[in-house]
């Protein structure tokens, strides 16, 4: 395991059980899809991903009530 992945997992262990499950689901989904899609990304998509990661690093997230409203709208 790389050092950065090890650090990410250590950080994830500090989260609530619910947040760990959500993060785990995202990571698993990414890991399962990674080999088939990573080479297909165009530069615009890569830039959008980099910007999203930068926003997350700065703590810029959509408010929880907005996420809950979205999930409710789609019956999730």
N, C-alpha and C. Protein backbone atom coordinates (compact mmCIF):
# COMPACT_ATOMS: atom_id res chain seq x y z
N UNK A 1 0.85 -1.17 0.00
CA UNK A 1 0.00 0.00 0.00
C UNK A 1 0.89 1.23 0.00
N UNK A 2 0.51 2.23 -0.78
CA UNK A 2 1.30 3.45 -0.83
C UNK A 2 1.09 4.27 0.43
N UNK A 3 2.02 5.19 0.66
CA UNK A 3 1.93 6.03 1.86
C UNK A 3 0.68 6.90 1.85
N UNK A 4 0.33 7.44 0.69
CA UNK A 4 -0.84 8.33 0.65
C UNK A 4 -2.13 7.55 0.87
N UNK A 5 -2.23 6.34 0.32
CA UNK A 5 -3.43 5.53 0.55
C UNK A 5 -3.50 5.12 2.02
N UNK A 6 -2.36 4.80 2.59
CA UNK A 6 -2.31 4.44 4.01
C UNK A 6 -2.77 5.62 4.88
N UNK A 7 -2.34 6.85 4.52
CA UNK A 7 -2.76 8.05 5.26
C UNK A 7 -4.26 8.27 5.10
N UNK A 8 -4.78 8.06 3.89
CA UNK A 8 -6.21 8.26 3.64
C UNK A 8 -7.04 7.28 4.47
N UNK A 9 -6.60 6.05 4.54
CA UNK A 9 -7.33 5.05 5.31
C UNK A 9 -7.26 5.37 6.80
N UNK A 10 -6.10 5.82 7.26
CA UNK A 10 -5.98 6.21 8.67
C UNK A 10 -6.93 7.36 8.99
N UNK A 11 -7.03 8.33 8.08
CA UNK A 11 -7.95 9.45 8.28
C UNK A 11 -9.40 8.96 8.27
N UNK A 12 -9.72 8.05 7.36
CA UNK A 12 -11.08 7.52 7.26
C UNK A 12 -11.49 6.81 8.55
N UNK A 13 -10.55 6.18 9.22
CA UNK A 13 -10.84 5.48 10.47
C UNK A 13 -11.31 6.43 11.57
N UNK A 14 -11.03 7.72 11.43
CA UNK A 14 -11.44 8.69 12.44
C UNK A 14 -12.87 9.19 12.22
N UNK A 15 -13.44 8.86 11.08
CA UNK A 15 -14.79 9.31 10.74
C UNK A 15 -15.85 8.47 11.43
N UNK A 16 -17.07 8.98 11.43
CA UNK A 16 -18.18 8.22 11.99
C UNK A 16 -18.39 6.95 11.16
N UNK A 17 -19.08 5.99 11.73
CA UNK A 17 -19.35 4.74 11.03
C UNK A 17 -20.11 5.00 9.73
N UNK A 18 -21.08 5.90 9.79
CA UNK A 18 -21.87 6.22 8.60
C UNK A 18 -20.99 6.84 7.51
N UNK A 19 -20.12 7.77 7.90
CA UNK A 19 -19.22 8.40 6.93
C UNK A 19 -18.20 7.40 6.38
N UNK A 20 -17.74 6.49 7.22
CA UNK A 20 -16.82 5.46 6.75
C UNK A 20 -17.49 4.58 5.70
N UNK A 21 -18.76 4.22 5.93
CA UNK A 21 -19.49 3.42 4.95
C UNK A 21 -19.63 4.16 3.63
N UNK A 22 -19.97 5.46 3.69
CA UNK A 22 -20.13 6.25 2.48
C UNK A 22 -18.81 6.35 1.72
N UNK A 23 -17.75 6.64 2.45
CA UNK A 23 -16.43 6.75 1.83
C UNK A 23 -15.98 5.40 1.27
N UNK A 24 -16.23 4.35 2.01
CA UNK A 24 -15.88 3.01 1.54
C UNK A 24 -16.61 2.64 0.26
N UNK A 25 -17.88 3.01 0.16
CA UNK A 25 -18.66 2.72 -1.04
C UNK A 25 -18.09 3.47 -2.25
N UNK A 26 -17.72 4.73 -2.04
CA UNK A 26 -17.13 5.51 -3.12
C UNK A 26 -15.80 4.92 -3.55
N UNK A 27 -14.95 4.61 -2.59
CA UNK A 27 -13.64 4.05 -2.91
C UNK A 27 -13.77 2.72 -3.63
N UNK A 28 -14.66 1.87 -3.17
CA UNK A 28 -14.86 0.57 -3.81
C UNK A 28 -15.36 0.76 -5.24
N UNK A 29 -16.29 1.67 -5.43
CA UNK A 29 -16.80 1.94 -6.77
C UNK A 29 -15.69 2.43 -7.69
N UNK A 30 -14.88 3.34 -7.19
CA UNK A 30 -13.76 3.85 -7.99
C UNK A 30 -12.76 2.75 -8.32
N UNK A 31 -12.44 1.94 -7.34
CA UNK A 31 -11.46 0.87 -7.55
C UNK A 31 -11.96 -0.15 -8.56
N UNK A 32 -13.25 -0.45 -8.52
CA UNK A 32 -13.81 -1.42 -9.46
C UNK A 32 -13.84 -0.88 -10.88
N UNK A 33 -14.03 0.42 -11.04
CA UNK A 33 -14.14 1.03 -12.36
C UNK A 33 -12.82 1.57 -12.89
N UNK A 34 -11.85 1.76 -12.04
CA UNK A 34 -10.62 2.47 -12.39
C UNK A 34 -9.94 1.98 -13.66
N UNK A 35 -9.60 0.72 -13.77
CA UNK A 35 -8.83 0.30 -14.95
C UNK A 35 -9.54 0.55 -16.27
N UNK A 36 -10.84 0.47 -16.30
CA UNK A 36 -11.55 0.59 -17.57
C UNK A 36 -11.83 2.03 -17.98
N UNK A 37 -11.67 3.00 -17.08
CA UNK A 37 -12.05 4.36 -17.42
C UNK A 37 -10.93 5.39 -17.33
N UNK A 38 -9.91 5.12 -16.60
CA UNK A 38 -8.90 6.16 -16.36
C UNK A 38 -8.21 6.62 -17.64
N UNK A 39 -7.99 5.75 -18.58
CA UNK A 39 -7.33 6.15 -19.82
C UNK A 39 -8.26 6.89 -20.77
N UNK A 40 -9.57 6.81 -20.51
CA UNK A 40 -10.56 7.44 -21.38
C UNK A 40 -10.86 8.89 -21.01
N UNK A 41 -10.29 9.38 -19.93
CA UNK A 41 -10.60 10.73 -19.47
C UNK A 41 -9.92 11.77 -20.34
N UNK A 42 -10.69 12.77 -20.77
CA UNK A 42 -10.08 13.86 -21.51
C UNK A 42 -9.54 14.89 -20.54
N UNK A 43 -8.80 15.86 -21.04
CA UNK A 43 -8.16 16.84 -20.16
C UNK A 43 -9.19 17.68 -19.40
N UNK A 44 -10.32 17.99 -20.01
CA UNK A 44 -11.36 18.75 -19.33
C UNK A 44 -11.89 17.99 -18.11
N UNK A 45 -12.10 16.70 -18.26
CA UNK A 45 -12.57 15.88 -17.15
C UNK A 45 -11.51 15.78 -16.06
N UNK A 46 -10.26 15.58 -16.46
CA UNK A 46 -9.18 15.52 -15.48
C UNK A 46 -9.07 16.83 -14.71
N UNK A 47 -9.24 17.96 -15.40
CA UNK A 47 -9.19 19.26 -14.73
C UNK A 47 -10.34 19.41 -13.74
N UNK A 48 -11.52 18.93 -14.13
CA UNK A 48 -12.68 19.00 -13.23
C UNK A 48 -12.45 18.15 -11.99
N UNK A 49 -11.84 16.99 -12.17
CA UNK A 49 -11.54 16.12 -11.03
C UNK A 49 -10.52 16.80 -10.11
N UNK A 50 -9.47 17.38 -10.70
CA UNK A 50 -8.47 18.08 -9.89
C UNK A 50 -9.10 19.23 -9.10
N UNK A 51 -10.02 19.98 -9.74
CA UNK A 51 -10.69 21.09 -9.05
C UNK A 51 -11.57 20.57 -7.93
N UNK A 52 -12.28 19.48 -8.17
CA UNK A 52 -13.12 18.89 -7.12
C UNK A 52 -12.29 18.43 -5.93
N UNK A 53 -11.15 17.83 -6.21
CA UNK A 53 -10.27 17.39 -5.12
C UNK A 53 -9.73 18.59 -4.35
N UNK A 54 -9.40 19.67 -5.07
CA UNK A 54 -8.91 20.88 -4.40
C UNK A 54 -10.00 21.49 -3.52
N UNK A 55 -11.24 21.49 -4.01
CA UNK A 55 -12.35 22.00 -3.21
C UNK A 55 -12.53 21.16 -1.95
N UNK A 56 -12.44 19.85 -2.09
CA UNK A 56 -12.57 18.98 -0.92
C UNK A 56 -11.46 19.25 0.08
N UNK A 57 -10.25 19.44 -0.43
CA UNK A 57 -9.12 19.71 0.45
C UNK A 57 -9.32 21.01 1.22
N UNK A 58 -9.99 21.97 0.59
CA UNK A 58 -10.28 23.25 1.25
C UNK A 58 -11.51 23.16 2.14
N UNK A 59 -12.18 22.02 2.15
CA UNK A 59 -13.37 21.85 2.97
C UNK A 59 -14.63 22.43 2.36
N UNK A 60 -14.62 22.63 1.06
CA UNK A 60 -15.77 23.21 0.37
C UNK A 60 -16.70 22.08 -0.10
N UNK A 61 -17.69 21.78 0.72
CA UNK A 61 -18.62 20.71 0.43
C UNK A 61 -20.04 21.25 0.32
N UNK A 62 -20.88 20.52 -0.39
CA UNK A 62 -22.30 20.86 -0.47
C UNK A 62 -22.89 20.63 0.92
N UNK A 63 -23.71 21.56 1.41
CA UNK A 63 -24.31 21.38 2.74
C UNK A 63 -25.13 20.08 2.83
N UNK A 64 -25.09 19.45 3.98
CA UNK A 64 -25.78 18.18 4.20
C UNK A 64 -27.25 18.25 3.85
N UNK A 65 -27.92 19.37 4.19
CA UNK A 65 -29.35 19.46 3.89
C UNK A 65 -29.61 19.44 2.38
N UNK A 66 -28.69 19.98 1.58
CA UNK A 66 -28.84 19.93 0.12
C UNK A 66 -28.71 18.50 -0.39
N UNK A 67 -27.77 17.75 0.18
CA UNK A 67 -27.59 16.35 -0.21
C UNK A 67 -28.82 15.54 0.17
N UNK A 68 -29.33 15.75 1.37
CA UNK A 68 -30.52 15.03 1.82
C UNK A 68 -31.72 15.34 0.92
N UNK A 69 -31.87 16.60 0.53
CA UNK A 69 -32.97 16.99 -0.35
C UNK A 69 -32.84 16.31 -1.72
N UNK A 70 -31.62 16.22 -2.22
CA UNK A 70 -31.38 15.55 -3.50
C UNK A 70 -31.74 14.07 -3.40
N UNK A 71 -31.28 13.42 -2.34
CA UNK A 71 -31.59 11.99 -2.17
C UNK A 71 -33.09 11.78 -2.05
N UNK A 72 -33.76 12.65 -1.30
CA UNK A 72 -35.21 12.53 -1.14
C UNK A 72 -35.92 12.71 -2.48
N UNK A 73 -35.44 13.66 -3.25
CA UNK A 73 -36.05 13.93 -4.57
C UNK A 73 -36.02 12.69 -5.46
N UNK A 74 -34.96 11.92 -5.37
CA UNK A 74 -34.82 10.73 -6.21
C UNK A 74 -35.13 9.43 -5.48
N UNK A 75 -35.73 9.55 -4.31
CA UNK A 75 -36.17 8.37 -3.58
C UNK A 75 -35.04 7.52 -3.03
N UNK A 76 -33.93 8.15 -2.72
CA UNK A 76 -32.77 7.41 -2.19
C UNK A 76 -32.67 7.54 -0.69
